[in-house]
């Protein structure tokens, strides 16, 4: 159900790491809990976040939730398509990434969950 090549936070974000960057989104579990997503607020390119710090908001028909950065780093890309199509998070949470971040401390990845541990968390 969850991908072996991703790391997961207990806040229900995933990160796909390639070299020194990571693409971040919310998990399928999180989007199911939220329901129909109607709005996503993302940071500006160049903003820097610490691990666990709020980087944006996601709003559904039943709740508004904070988005938390799974690792520390600088935002180098945002998925601007989510502004016009926030519902794409519901269609495929694994593909609807939100930000790409340049990792400032790759060691933080070791504190995240693998697919098996995240699956156990959301049972």
PDB file of N, CA and C in Angstrom:
ATOM      1  N   UNK A   1       0.822  -1.198   0.000  1.00  0.00           N
ATOM      2  CA  UNK A   1       0.000   0.000   0.000  1.00  0.00           C
ATOM      3  C   UNK A   1       0.863   1.259   0.000  1.00  0.00           C
ATOM      4  N   UNK A   2       1.883   1.287   0.843  1.00  0.00           N
ATOM      5  CA  UNK A   2       2.803   2.428   0.869  1.00  0.00           C
ATOM      6  C   UNK A   2       4.090   2.031   0.162  1.00  0.00           C
ATOM      7  N   UNK A   3       4.782   3.016  -0.375  1.00  0.00           N
ATOM      8  CA  UNK A   3       5.914   2.757  -1.257  1.00  0.00           C
ATOM      9  C   UNK A   3       7.225   2.596  -0.486  1.00  0.00           C
ATOM     10  N   UNK A   4       7.954   1.550  -0.820  1.00  0.00           N
ATOM     11  CA  UNK A   4       9.218   1.254  -0.152  1.00  0.00           C
ATOM     12  C   UNK A   4      10.279   2.314  -0.420  1.00  0.00           C
ATOM     13  N   UNK A   5      10.152   3.061  -1.522  1.00  0.00           N
ATOM     14  CA  UNK A   5      11.173   4.058  -1.854  1.00  0.00           C
ATOM     15  C   UNK A   5      10.883   5.426  -1.230  1.00  0.00           C
ATOM     16  N   UNK A   6       9.823   5.528  -0.433  1.00  0.00           N
ATOM     17  CA  UNK A   6       9.497   6.790   0.235  1.00  0.00           C
ATOM     18  C   UNK A   6       9.772   6.676   1.724  1.00  0.00           C
ATOM     19  N   UNK A   7       9.966   7.827   2.360  1.00  0.00           N
ATOM     20  CA  UNK A   7      10.036   7.919   3.813  1.00  0.00           C
ATOM     21  C   UNK A   7       8.792   8.678   4.258  1.00  0.00           C
ATOM     22  N   UNK A   8       8.321   8.400   5.469  1.00  0.00           N
ATOM     23  CA  UNK A   8       7.071   8.967   5.967  1.00  0.00           C
ATOM     24  C   UNK A   8       7.267   9.619   7.327  1.00  0.00           C
ATOM     25  N   UNK A   9       6.513  10.702   7.561  1.00  0.00           N
ATOM     26  CA  UNK A   9       6.530  11.336   8.877  1.00  0.00           C
ATOM     27  C   UNK A   9       5.295  10.889   9.653  1.00  0.00           C
ATOM     28  N   UNK A  10       5.338  11.036  10.959  1.00  0.00           N
ATOM     29  CA  UNK A  10       4.180  10.718  11.789  1.00  0.00           C
ATOM     30  C   UNK A  10       3.068  11.742  11.570  1.00  0.00           C
ATOM     31  N   UNK A  11       3.380  12.854  10.895  1.00  0.00           N
ATOM     32  CA  UNK A  11       2.388  13.884  10.565  1.00  0.00           C
ATOM     33  C   UNK A  11       1.712  13.599   9.223  1.00  0.00           C
ATOM     34  N   UNK A  12       2.026  12.446   8.628  1.00  0.00           N
ATOM     35  CA  UNK A  12       1.378  11.966   7.396  1.00  0.00           C
ATOM     36  C   UNK A  12       1.848  12.658   6.118  1.00  0.00           C
ATOM     37  N   UNK A  13       3.112  13.070   6.115  1.00  0.00           N
ATOM     38  CA  UNK A  13       3.737  13.534   4.879  1.00  0.00           C
ATOM     39  C   UNK A  13       4.689  12.446   4.398  1.00  0.00           C
ATOM     40  N   UNK A  14       4.886  12.391   3.077  1.00  0.00           N
ATOM     41  CA  UNK A  14       5.885  11.499   2.502  1.00  0.00           C
ATOM     42  C   UNK A  14       6.970  12.352   1.853  1.00  0.00           C
ATOM     43  N   UNK A  15       8.148  11.756   1.695  1.00  0.00           N
ATOM     44  CA  UNK A  15       9.244  12.423   0.990  1.00  0.00           C
ATOM     45  C   UNK A  15       9.935  11.388   0.109  1.00  0.00           C
ATOM     46  N   UNK A  16      10.156  11.797  -1.123  1.00  0.00           N
ATOM     47  CA  UNK A  16      10.890  10.993  -2.096  1.00  0.00           C
ATOM     48  C   UNK A  16      12.223  11.695  -2.324  1.00  0.00           C
ATOM     49  N   UNK A  17      13.309  11.037  -1.945  1.00  0.00           N
ATOM     50  CA  UNK A  17      14.620  11.683  -1.977  1.00  0.00           C
ATOM     51  C   UNK A  17      15.423  11.247  -3.195  1.00  0.00           C
ATOM     52  N   UNK A  18      15.995  12.244  -3.878  1.00  0.00           N
ATOM     53  CA  UNK A  18      16.905  12.020  -4.986  1.00  0.00           C
ATOM     54  C   UNK A  18      18.126  12.888  -4.736  1.00  0.00           C
ATOM     55  N   UNK A  19      19.244  12.283  -4.463  1.00  0.00           N
ATOM     56  CA  UNK A  19      20.479  13.008  -4.213  1.00  0.00           C
ATOM     57  C   UNK A  19      20.293  13.965  -3.031  1.00  0.00           C
ATOM     58  N   UNK A  20      20.358  15.278  -3.293  1.00  0.00           N
ATOM     59  CA  UNK A  20      20.280  16.268  -2.203  1.00  0.00           C
ATOM     60  C   UNK A  20      18.909  16.917  -2.088  1.00  0.00           C
ATOM     61  N   UNK A  21      17.923  16.427  -2.846  1.00  0.00           N
ATOM     62  CA  UNK A  21      16.597  17.036  -2.803  1.00  0.00           C
ATOM     63  C   UNK A  21      15.539  16.005  -2.448  1.00  0.00           C
ATOM     64  N   UNK A  22      14.423  16.511  -1.973  1.00  0.00           N
ATOM     65  CA  UNK A  22      13.299  15.653  -1.646  1.00  0.00           C
ATOM     66  C   UNK A  22      11.998  16.292  -2.085  1.00  0.00           C
ATOM     67  N   UNK A  23      11.143  15.490  -2.670  1.00  0.00           N
ATOM     68  CA  UNK A  23       9.808  15.939  -3.080  1.00  0.00           C
ATOM     69  C   UNK A  23       8.849  15.506  -1.974  1.00  0.00           C
ATOM     70  N   UNK A  24       7.994  16.431  -1.516  1.00  0.00           N
ATOM     71  CA  UNK A  24       7.140  16.210  -0.348  1.00  0.00           C
ATOM     72  C   UNK A  24       5.666  16.291  -0.732  1.00  0.00           C
ATOM     73  N   UNK A  25       4.865  15.380  -0.165  1.00  0.00           N
ATOM     74  CA  UNK A  25       3.421  15.408  -0.329  1.00  0.00           C
ATOM     75  C   UNK A  25       2.765  14.809   0.898  1.00  0.00           C
ATOM     76  N   UNK A  26       1.433  14.686   0.856  1.00  0.00           N
ATOM     77  CA  UNK A  26       0.741  14.032   1.962  1.00  0.00           C
ATOM     78  C   UNK A  26       0.407  12.599   1.556  1.00  0.00           C
ATOM     79  N   UNK A  27       0.233  11.766   2.549  1.00  0.00           N
ATOM     80  CA  UNK A  27      -0.027  10.358   2.277  1.00  0.00           C
ATOM     81  C   UNK A  27      -1.482  10.130   1.844  1.00  0.00           C
ATOM     82  N   UNK A  28      -1.694   8.982   1.248  1.00  0.00           N
ATOM     83  CA  UNK A  28      -3.037   8.588   0.864  1.00  0.00           C
ATOM     84  C   UNK A  28      -3.940   8.515   2.091  1.00  0.00           C
ATOM     85  N   UNK A  29      -3.404   8.036   3.196  1.00  0.00           N
ATOM     86  CA  UNK A  29      -4.166   7.981   4.449  1.00  0.00           C
ATOM     87  C   UNK A  29      -4.642   9.387   4.837  1.00  0.00           C
ATOM     88  N   UNK A  30      -3.748  10.371   4.759  1.00  0.00           N
ATOM     89  CA  UNK A  30      -4.097  11.745   5.140  1.00  0.00           C
ATOM     90  C   UNK A  30      -5.194  12.301   4.244  1.00  0.00           C
ATOM     91  N   UNK A  31      -5.090  12.075   2.936  1.00  0.00           N
ATOM     92  CA  UNK A  31      -6.115  12.631   2.052  1.00  0.00           C
ATOM     93  C   UNK A  31      -7.462  11.966   2.277  1.00  0.00           C
ATOM     94  N   UNK A  32      -7.456  10.685   2.632  1.00  0.00           N
ATOM     95  CA  UNK A  32      -8.727  10.000   2.929  1.00  0.00           C
ATOM     96  C   UNK A  32      -9.360  10.568   4.194  1.00  0.00           C
ATOM     97  N   UNK A  33      -8.530  10.882   5.192  1.00  0.00           N
ATOM     98  CA  UNK A  33      -9.042  11.452   6.438  1.00  0.00           C
ATOM     99  C   UNK A  33      -9.605  12.859   6.215  1.00  0.00           C
ATOM    100  N   UNK A  34      -8.965  13.616   5.332  1.00  0.00           N
ATOM    101  CA  UNK A  34      -9.406  14.981   5.060  1.00  0.00           C
ATOM    102  C   UNK A  34     -10.713  15.028   4.273  1.00  0.00           C
ATOM    103  N   UNK A  35     -10.882  14.125   3.340  1.00  0.00           N
ATOM    104  CA  UNK A  35     -12.029  14.198   2.444  1.00  0.00           C
ATOM    105  C   UNK A  35     -11.679  15.059   1.236  1.00  0.00           C
ATOM    106  N   UNK A  36     -12.688  15.621   0.598  1.00  0.00           N
ATOM    107  CA  UNK A  36     -12.488  16.384  -0.641  1.00  0.00           C
ATOM    108  C   UNK A  36     -11.668  17.645  -0.396  1.00  0.00           C
ATOM    109  N   UNK A  37     -10.458  17.685  -0.978  1.00  0.00           N
ATOM    110  CA  UNK A  37      -9.560  18.831  -0.824  1.00  0.00           C
ATOM    111  C   UNK A  37     -10.029  19.962  -1.736  1.00  0.00           C
ATOM    112  N   UNK A  38     -10.146  21.166  -1.151  1.00  0.00           N
ATOM    113  CA  UNK A  38     -10.630  22.322  -1.910  1.00  0.00           C
ATOM    114  C   UNK A  38      -9.594  23.442  -2.019  1.00  0.00           C
ATOM    115  N   UNK A  39      -8.516  23.376  -1.215  1.00  0.00           N
ATOM    116  CA  UNK A  39      -7.532  24.462  -1.230  1.00  0.00           C
ATOM    117  C   UNK A  39      -6.214  23.955  -0.665  1.00  0.00           C
ATOM    118  N   UNK A  40      -5.123  24.374  -1.283  1.00  0.00           N
ATOM    119  CA  UNK A  40      -3.785  24.065  -0.778  1.00  0.00           C
ATOM    120  C   UNK A  40      -2.979  25.360  -0.773  1.00  0.00           C
ATOM    121  N   UNK A  41      -2.400  25.703   0.371  1.00  0.00           N
ATOM    122  CA  UNK A  41      -1.543  26.883   0.488  1.00  0.00           C
ATOM    123  C   UNK A  41      -0.105  26.407   0.650  1.00  0.00           C
ATOM    124  N   UNK A  42       0.751  26.822  -0.289  1.00  0.00           N
ATOM    125  CA  UNK A  42       2.141  26.385  -0.286  1.00  0.00           C
ATOM    126  C   UNK A  42       3.075  27.577  -0.091  1.00  0.00           C
ATOM    127  N   UNK A  43       4.306  27.320   0.349  1.00  0.00           N
ATOM    128  CA  UNK A  43       5.261  28.404   0.597  1.00  0.00           C
ATOM    129  C   UNK A  43       5.851  28.944  -0.703  1.00  0.00           C
ATOM    130  N   UNK A  44       6.621  29.996  -0.584  1.00  0.00           N
ATOM    131  CA  UNK A  44       7.347  30.566  -1.714  1.00  0.00           C
ATOM    132  C   UNK A  44       8.673  29.820  -1.894  1.00  0.00           C
ATOM    133  N   UNK A  45       9.129  29.748  -3.134  1.00  0.00           N
ATOM    134  CA  UNK A  45      10.456  29.217  -3.409  1.00  0.00           C
ATOM    135  C   UNK A  45      11.470  30.089  -2.660  1.00  0.00           C
ATOM    136  N   UNK A  46      12.445  29.452  -2.034  1.00  0.00           N
ATOM    137  CA  UNK A  46      13.464  30.172  -1.284  1.00  0.00           C
ATOM    138  C   UNK A  46      13.241  30.160   0.212  1.00  0.00           C
ATOM    139  N   UNK A  47      12.031  29.852   0.650  1.00  0.00           N
ATOM    140  CA  UNK A  47      11.784  29.779   2.083  1.00  0.00           C
ATOM    141  C   UNK A  47      12.520  28.581   2.669  1.00  0.00           C
ATOM    142  N   UNK A  48      12.961  28.739   3.901  1.00  0.00           N
ATOM    143  CA  UNK A  48      13.710  27.696   4.594  1.00  0.00           C
ATOM    144  C   UNK A  48      12.894  27.236   5.798  1.00  0.00           C
ATOM    145  N   UNK A  49      12.837  25.914   5.987  1.00  0.00           N
ATOM    146  CA  UNK A  49      12.073  25.331   7.085  1.00  0.00           C
ATOM    147  C   UNK A  49      12.926  24.338   7.849  1.00  0.00           C
ATOM    148  N   UNK A  50      12.665  24.249   9.150  1.00  0.00           N
ATOM    149  CA  UNK A  50      13.276  23.228   9.986  1.00  0.00           C
ATOM    150  C   UNK A  50      12.388  21.992   9.973  1.00  0.00           C
ATOM    151  N   UNK A  51      12.971  20.858  10.279  1.00  0.00           N
ATOM    152  CA  UNK A  51      12.201  19.624  10.358  1.00  0.00           C
ATOM    153  C   UNK A  51      11.043  19.806  11.338  1.00  0.00           C
ATOM    154  N   UNK A  52       9.848  19.403  10.930  1.00  0.00           N
ATOM    155  CA  UNK A  52       8.676  19.494  11.783  1.00  0.00           C
ATOM    156  C   UNK A  52       7.962  20.827  11.758  1.00  0.00           C
ATOM    157  N   UNK A  53       8.533  21.810  11.062  1.00  0.00           N
ATOM    158  CA  UNK A  53       7.934  23.145  10.997  1.00  0.00           C
ATOM    159  C   UNK A  53       6.820  23.174   9.942  1.00  0.00           C
ATOM    160  N   UNK A  54       5.778  23.958  10.206  1.00  0.00           N
ATOM    161  CA  UNK A  54       4.675  24.088   9.265  1.00  0.00           C
ATOM    162  C   UNK A  54       5.141  24.798   7.997  1.00  0.00           C
ATOM    163  N   UNK A  55       4.841  24.198   6.818  1.00  0.00           N
ATOM    164  CA  UNK A  55       5.204  24.841   5.557  1.00  0.00           C
ATOM    165  C   UNK A  55       3.993  25.248   4.729  1.00  0.00           C
ATOM    166  N   UNK A  56       2.801  24.835   5.134  1.00  0.00           N
ATOM    167  CA  UNK A  56       1.615  25.197   4.371  1.00  0.00           C
ATOM    168  C   UNK A  56       0.353  24.703   5.035  1.00  0.00           C
ATOM    169  N   UNK A  57      -0.752  24.843   4.286  1.00  0.00           N
ATOM    170  CA  UNK A  57      -2.068  24.409   4.762  1.00  0.00           C
ATOM    171  C   UNK A  57      -2.766  23.620   3.676  1.00  0.00           C
ATOM    172  N   UNK A  58      -3.618  22.695   4.100  1.00  0.00           N
ATOM    173  CA  UNK A  58      -4.482  21.996   3.171  1.00  0.00           C
ATOM    174  C   UNK A  58      -5.888  22.042   3.761  1.00  0.00           C
ATOM    175  N   UNK A  59      -6.842  22.435   2.923  1.00  0.00           N
ATOM    176  CA  UNK A  59      -8.219  22.585   3.383  1.00  0.00           C
ATOM    177  C   UNK A  59      -9.124  21.642   2.601  1.00  0.00           C
ATOM    178  N   UNK A  60      -9.987  20.977   3.344  1.00  0.00           N
ATOM    179  CA  UNK A  60     -10.975  20.110   2.712  1.00  0.00           C
ATOM    180  C   UNK A  60     -12.359  20.608   3.100  1.00  0.00           C
ATOM    181  N   UNK A  61     -13.379  19.920   2.613  1.00  0.00           N
ATOM    182  CA  UNK A  61     -14.738  20.322   2.946  1.00  0.00           C
ATOM    183  C   UNK A  61     -15.038  20.145   4.429  1.00  0.00           C
ATOM    184  N   UNK A  62     -14.208  19.366   5.134  1.00  0.00           N
ATOM    185  CA  UNK A  62     -14.501  19.144   6.552  1.00  0.00           C
ATOM    186  C   UNK A  62     -13.403  19.574   7.526  1.00  0.00           C
ATOM    187  N   UNK A  63     -12.239  20.000   7.034  1.00  0.00           N
ATOM    188  CA  UNK A  63     -11.165  20.367   7.962  1.00  0.00           C
ATOM    189  C   UNK A  63     -10.084  21.198   7.270  1.00  0.00           C
ATOM    190  N   UNK A  64      -9.331  21.933   8.099  1.00  0.00           N
ATOM    191  CA  UNK A  64      -8.119  22.613   7.643  1.00  0.00           C
ATOM    192  C   UNK A  64      -6.978  21.991   8.434  1.00  0.00           C
ATOM    193  N   UNK A  65      -5.936  21.562   7.739  1.00  0.00           N
ATOM    194  CA  UNK A  65      -4.802  20.932   8.405  1.00  0.00           C
ATOM    195  C   UNK A  65      -3.500  21.595   8.003  1.00  0.00           C
ATOM    196  N   UNK A  66      -2.576  21.629   8.948  1.00  0.00           N
ATOM    197  CA  UNK A  66      -1.241  22.131   8.671  1.00  0.00           C
ATOM    198  C   UNK A  66      -0.447  21.072   7.913  1.00  0.00           C
ATOM    199  N   UNK A  67       0.487  21.539   7.097  1.00  0.00           N
ATOM    200  CA  UNK A  67       1.445  20.674   6.420  1.00  0.00           C
ATOM    201  C   UNK A  67       2.789  20.873   7.095  1.00  0.00           C
ATOM    202  N   UNK A  68       3.465  19.795   7.448  1.00  0.00           N
ATOM    203  CA  UNK A  68       4.724  19.879   8.178  1.00  0.00           C
ATOM    204  C   UNK A  68       5.875  19.338   7.347  1.00  0.00           C
ATOM    205  N   UNK A  69       7.002  20.012   7.442  1.00  0.00           N
ATOM    206  CA  UNK A  69       8.189  19.636   6.687  1.00  0.00           C
ATOM    207  C   UNK A  69       8.842  18.404   7.337  1.00  0.00           C
ATOM    208  N   UNK A  70       8.986  17.305   6.592  1.00  0.00           N
ATOM    209  CA  UNK A  70       9.576  16.102   7.188  1.00  0.00           C
ATOM    210  C   UNK A  70      11.078  16.213   7.437  1.00  0.00           C
ATOM    211  N   UNK A  71      11.735  17.149   6.755  1.00  0.00           N
ATOM    212  CA  UNK A  71      13.172  17.388   6.932  1.00  0.00           C
ATOM    213  C   UNK A  71      13.443  18.886   6.824  1.00  0.00           C
ATOM    214  N   UNK A  72      14.602  19.295   7.272  1.00  0.00           N
ATOM    215  CA  UNK A  72      15.002  20.701   7.165  1.00  0.00           C
ATOM    216  C   UNK A  72      15.553  20.986   5.780  1.00  0.00           C
ATOM    217  N   UNK A  73      15.304  22.213   5.302  1.00  0.00           N
ATOM    218  CA  UNK A  73      15.869  22.591   4.018  1.00  0.00           C
ATOM    219  C   UNK A  73      15.193  23.791   3.396  1.00  0.00           C
ATOM    220  N   UNK A  74      15.627  24.091   2.171  1.00  0.00           N
ATOM    221  CA  UNK A  74      15.131  25.236   1.420  1.00  0.00           C
ATOM    222  C   UNK A  74      14.201  24.761   0.309  1.00  0.00           C
ATOM    223  N   UNK A  75      13.058  25.422   0.191  1.00  0.00           N
ATOM    224  CA  UNK A  75      12.107  25.100  -0.870  1.00  0.00           C
ATOM    225  C   UNK A  75      12.695  25.574  -2.204  1.00  0.00           C
ATOM    226  N   UNK A  76      12.843  24.636  -3.153  1.00  0.00           N
ATOM    227  CA  UNK A  76      13.394  25.008  -4.459  1.00  0.00           C
ATOM    228  C   UNK A  76      12.349  24.901  -5.573  1.00  0.00           C
ATOM    229  N   UNK A  77      11.190  24.314  -5.248  1.00  0.00           N
ATOM    230  CA  UNK A  77      10.115  24.209  -6.236  1.00  0.00           C
ATOM    231  C   UNK A  77       8.800  23.978  -5.497  1.00  0.00           C
ATOM    232  N   UNK A  78       7.713  24.564  -6.020  1.00  0.00           N
ATOM    233  CA  UNK A  78       6.385  24.294  -5.497  1.00  0.00           C
ATOM    234  C   UNK A  78       5.510  23.786  -6.644  1.00  0.00           C
ATOM    235  N   UNK A  79       4.547  22.968  -6.316  1.00  0.00           N
ATOM    236  CA  UNK A  79       3.636  22.429  -7.315  1.00  0.00           C
ATOM    237  C   UNK A  79       2.493  23.434  -7.514  1.00  0.00           C
ATOM    238  N   UNK A  80       2.711  24.407  -8.381  1.00  0.00           N
ATOM    239  CA  UNK A  80       1.737  25.475  -8.622  1.00  0.00           C
ATOM    240  C   UNK A  80       0.434  24.938  -9.181  1.00  0.00           C
ATOM    241  N   UNK A  81       0.445  23.765  -9.794  1.00  0.00           N
ATOM    242  CA  UNK A  81      -0.776  23.178 -10.348  1.00  0.00           C
ATOM    243  C   UNK A  81      -1.820  22.913  -9.267  1.00  0.00           C
ATOM    244  N   UNK A  82      -1.382  22.762  -8.016  1.00  0.00           N
ATOM    245  CA  UNK A  82      -2.328  22.506  -6.931  1.00  0.00           C
ATOM    246  C   UNK A  82      -3.193  23.720  -6.624  1.00  0.00           C
ATOM    247  N   UNK A  83      -2.737  24.924  -6.992  1.00  0.00           N
ATOM    248  CA  UNK A  83      -3.553  26.118  -6.778  1.00  0.00           C
ATOM    249  C   UNK A  83      -4.852  26.022  -7.570  1.00  0.00           C
ATOM    250  N   UNK A  84      -4.759  25.612  -8.820  1.00  0.00           N
ATOM    251  CA  UNK A  84      -5.937  25.518  -9.680  1.00  0.00           C
ATOM    252  C   UNK A  84      -6.649  24.173  -9.558  1.00  0.00           C
ATOM    253  N   UNK A  85      -5.927  23.147  -9.131  1.00  0.00           N
ATOM    254  CA  UNK A  85      -6.496  21.792  -9.059  1.00  0.00           C
ATOM    255  C   UNK A  85      -6.169  21.111  -7.733  1.00  0.00           C
ATOM    256  N   UNK A  86      -6.623  21.678  -6.601  1.00  0.00           N
ATOM    257  CA  UNK A  86      -6.302  21.051  -5.312  1.00  0.00           C
ATOM    258  C   UNK A  86      -6.882  19.646  -5.171  1.00  0.00           C
ATOM    259  N   UNK A  87      -7.953  19.370  -5.920  1.00  0.00           N
ATOM    260  CA  UNK A  87      -8.596  18.062  -5.835  1.00  0.00           C
ATOM    261  C   UNK A  87      -7.715  16.940  -6.372  1.00  0.00           C
ATOM    262  N   UNK A  88      -6.633  17.284  -7.081  1.00  0.00           N
ATOM    263  CA  UNK A  88      -5.723  16.243  -7.565  1.00  0.00           C
ATOM    264  C   UNK A  88      -5.076  15.481  -6.407  1.00  0.00           C
ATOM    265  N   UNK A  89      -5.040  16.080  -5.219  1.00  0.00           N
ATOM    266  CA  UNK A  89      -4.530  15.380  -4.036  1.00  0.00           C
ATOM    267  C   UNK A  89      -5.410  14.166  -3.738  1.00  0.00           C
ATOM    268  N   UNK A  90      -6.713  14.298  -3.940  1.00  0.00           N
ATOM    269  CA  UNK A  90      -7.630  13.177  -3.707  1.00  0.00           C
ATOM    270  C   UNK A  90      -7.518  12.113  -4.789  1.00  0.00           C
ATOM    271  N   UNK A  91      -7.179  12.506  -5.987  1.00  0.00           N
ATOM    272  CA  UNK A  91      -7.088  11.558  -7.092  1.00  0.00           C
ATOM    273  C   UNK A  91      -5.864  10.670  -6.968  1.00  0.00           C
ATOM    274  N   UNK A  92      -4.747  11.239  -6.522  1.00  0.00           N
ATOM    275  CA  UNK A  92      -3.525  10.463  -6.326  1.00  0.00           C
ATOM    276  C   UNK A  92      -2.584  11.202  -5.391  1.00  0.00           C
ATOM    277  N   UNK A  93      -2.747  10.964  -4.101  1.00  0.00           N
ATOM    278  CA  UNK A  93      -1.925  11.658  -3.112  1.00  0.00           C
ATOM    279  C   UNK A  93      -0.439  11.369  -3.320  1.00  0.00           C
ATOM    280  N   UNK A  94      -0.116  10.183  -3.822  1.00  0.00           N
ATOM    281  CA  UNK A  94       1.288   9.834  -4.029  1.00  0.00           C
ATOM    282  C   UNK A  94       1.911  10.615  -5.179  1.00  0.00           C
ATOM    283  N   UNK A  95       1.101  11.066  -6.137  1.00  0.00           N
ATOM    284  CA  UNK A  95       1.617  11.831  -7.271  1.00  0.00           C
ATOM    285  C   UNK A  95       1.482  13.338  -7.080  1.00  0.00           C
ATOM    286  N   UNK A  96       0.569  13.765  -6.233  1.00  0.00           N
ATOM    287  CA  UNK A  96       0.304  15.194  -6.036  1.00  0.00           C
ATOM    288  C   UNK A  96       1.289  15.774  -5.018  1.00  0.00           C
ATOM    289  N   UNK A  97       2.530  15.876  -5.435  1.00  0.00           N
ATOM    290  CA  UNK A  97       3.560  16.429  -4.559  1.00  0.00           C
ATOM    291  C   UNK A  97       3.261  17.912  -4.318  1.00  0.00           C
ATOM    292  N   UNK A  98       3.849  18.457  -3.255  1.00  0.00           N
ATOM    293  CA  UNK A  98       3.569  19.833  -2.880  1.00  0.00           C
ATOM    294  C   UNK A  98       4.786  20.738  -3.014  1.00  0.00           C
ATOM    295  N   UNK A  99       5.910  20.282  -2.470  1.00  0.00           N
ATOM    296  CA  UNK A  99       7.143  21.070  -2.561  1.00  0.00           C
ATOM    297  C   UNK A  99       8.323  20.154  -2.854  1.00  0.00           C
ATOM    298  N   UNK A 100       9.356  20.757  -3.421  1.00  0.00           N
ATOM    299  CA  UNK A 100      10.657  20.099  -3.519  1.00  0.00           C
ATOM    300  C   UNK A 100      11.592  20.908  -2.639  1.00  0.00           C
ATOM    301  N   UNK A 101      12.343  20.213  -1.819  1.00  0.00           N
ATOM    302  CA  UNK A 101      13.195  20.865  -0.830  1.00  0.00           C
ATOM    303  C   UNK A 101      14.636  20.393  -0.996  1.00  0.00           C
ATOM    304  N   UNK A 102      15.569  21.327  -0.870  1.00  0.00           N
ATOM    305  CA  UNK A 102      16.988  20.971  -0.845  1.00  0.00           C
ATOM    306  C   UNK A 102      17.340  20.671   0.606  1.00  0.00           C
ATOM    307  N   UNK A 103      17.696  19.412   0.861  1.00  0.00           N
ATOM    308  CA  UNK A 103      17.945  18.972   2.227  1.00  0.00           C
ATOM    309  C   UNK A 103      19.167  19.671   2.827  1.00  0.00           C
ATOM    310  N   UNK A 104      18.989  20.198   4.035  1.00  0.00           N
ATOM    311  CA  UNK A 104      20.129  20.805   4.717  1.00  0.00           C
ATOM    312  C   UNK A 104      20.799  19.812   5.668  1.00  0.00           C
ATOM    313  N   UNK A 105      20.085  18.749   6.046  1.00  0.00           N
ATOM    314  CA  UNK A 105      20.641  17.728   6.933  1.00  0.00           C
ATOM    315  C   UNK A 105      20.086  16.357   6.553  1.00  0.00           C
ATOM    316  N   UNK A 106      20.715  15.690   5.577  1.00  0.00           N
ATOM    317  CA  UNK A 106      20.217  14.380   5.131  1.00  0.00           C
ATOM    318  C   UNK A 106      20.112  13.339   6.244  1.00  0.00           C
ATOM    319  N   UNK A 107      20.826  13.534   7.337  1.00  0.00           N
ATOM    320  CA  UNK A 107      20.759  12.590   8.464  1.00  0.00           C
ATOM    321  C   UNK A 107      19.359  12.542   9.071  1.00  0.00           C
ATOM    322  N   UNK A 108      18.572  13.605   8.894  1.00  0.00           N
ATOM    323  CA  UNK A 108      17.218  13.632   9.444  1.00  0.00           C
ATOM    324  C   UNK A 108      16.332  12.542   8.829  1.00  0.00           C
ATOM    325  N   UNK A 109      16.677  12.093   7.636  1.00  0.00           N
ATOM    326  CA  UNK A 109      15.902  11.042   6.972  1.00  0.00           C
ATOM    327  C   UNK A 109      15.852   9.767   7.800  1.00  0.00           C
ATOM    328  N   UNK A 110      16.916   9.505   8.567  1.00  0.00           N
ATOM    329  CA  UNK A 110      16.973   8.272   9.356  1.00  0.00           C
ATOM    330  C   UNK A 110      15.920   8.259  10.465  1.00  0.00           C
ATOM    331  N   UNK A 111      15.399   9.416  10.840  1.00  0.00           N
ATOM    332  CA  UNK A 111      14.364   9.486  11.871  1.00  0.00           C
ATOM    333  C   UNK A 111      12.952   9.326  11.343  1.00  0.00           C
ATOM    334  N   UNK A 112      12.812   9.222  10.016  1.00  0.00           N
ATOM    335  CA  UNK A 112      11.493   9.050   9.418  1.00  0.00           C
ATOM    336  C   UNK A 112      11.125   7.575   9.337  1.00  0.00           C
ATOM    337  N   UNK A 113       9.869   7.307   9.049  1.00  0.00           N
ATOM    338  CA  UNK A 113       9.372   5.933   8.996  1.00  0.00           C
ATOM    339  C   UNK A 113       9.513   5.346   7.603  1.00  0.00           C
ATOM    340  N   UNK A 114       9.770   4.036   7.531  1.00  0.00           N
ATOM    341  CA  UNK A 114       9.709   3.355   6.237  1.00  0.00           C
ATOM    342  C   UNK A 114       8.255   2.947   5.994  1.00  0.00           C
ATOM    343  N   UNK A 115       7.975   2.369   4.836  1.00  0.00           N
ATOM    344  CA  UNK A 115       6.602   2.024   4.463  1.00  0.00           C
ATOM    345  C   UNK A 115       5.952   1.074   5.465  1.00  0.00           C
ATOM    346  N   UNK A 116       6.712   0.094   5.934  1.00  0.00           N
ATOM    347  CA  UNK A 116       6.167  -0.883   6.884  1.00  0.00           C
ATOM    348  C   UNK A 116       5.795  -0.219   8.209  1.00  0.00           C
ATOM    349  N   UNK A 117       6.681   0.638   8.729  1.00  0.00           N
ATOM    350  CA  UNK A 117       6.415   1.311  10.001  1.00  0.00           C
ATOM    351  C   UNK A 117       5.251   2.290   9.872  1.00  0.00           C
ATOM    352  N   UNK A 118       5.167   2.970   8.716  1.00  0.00           N
ATOM    353  CA  UNK A 118       4.056   3.909   8.531  1.00  0.00           C
ATOM    354  C   UNK A 118       2.724   3.144   8.419  1.00  0.00           C
ATOM    355  N   UNK A 119       2.726   2.037   7.718  1.00  0.00           N
ATOM    356  CA  UNK A 119       1.514   1.211   7.603  1.00  0.00           C
ATOM    357  C   UNK A 119       1.021   0.777   8.977  1.00  0.00           C
ATOM    358  N   UNK A 120       1.954   0.400   9.849  1.00  0.00           N
ATOM    359  CA  UNK A 120       1.588  -0.010  11.198  1.00  0.00           C
ATOM    360  C   UNK A 120       1.015   1.163  12.001  1.00  0.00           C
ATOM    361  N   UNK A 121       1.517   2.366  11.743  1.00  0.00           N
ATOM    362  CA  UNK A 121       1.058   3.565  12.443  1.00  0.00           C
ATOM    363  C   UNK A 121      -0.405   3.886  12.120  1.00  0.00           C
ATOM    364  N   UNK A 122      -0.812   3.664  10.885  1.00  0.00           N
ATOM    365  CA  UNK A 122      -2.145   4.099  10.442  1.00  0.00           C
ATOM    366  C   UNK A 122      -3.186   2.985  10.411  1.00  0.00           C
ATOM    367  N   UNK A 123      -2.855   1.834  10.999  1.00  0.00           N
ATOM    368  CA  UNK A 123      -3.811   0.708  11.026  1.00  0.00           C
ATOM    369  C   UNK A 123      -4.975   1.038  11.934  1.00  0.00           C
TER     370      UNK A 123
END
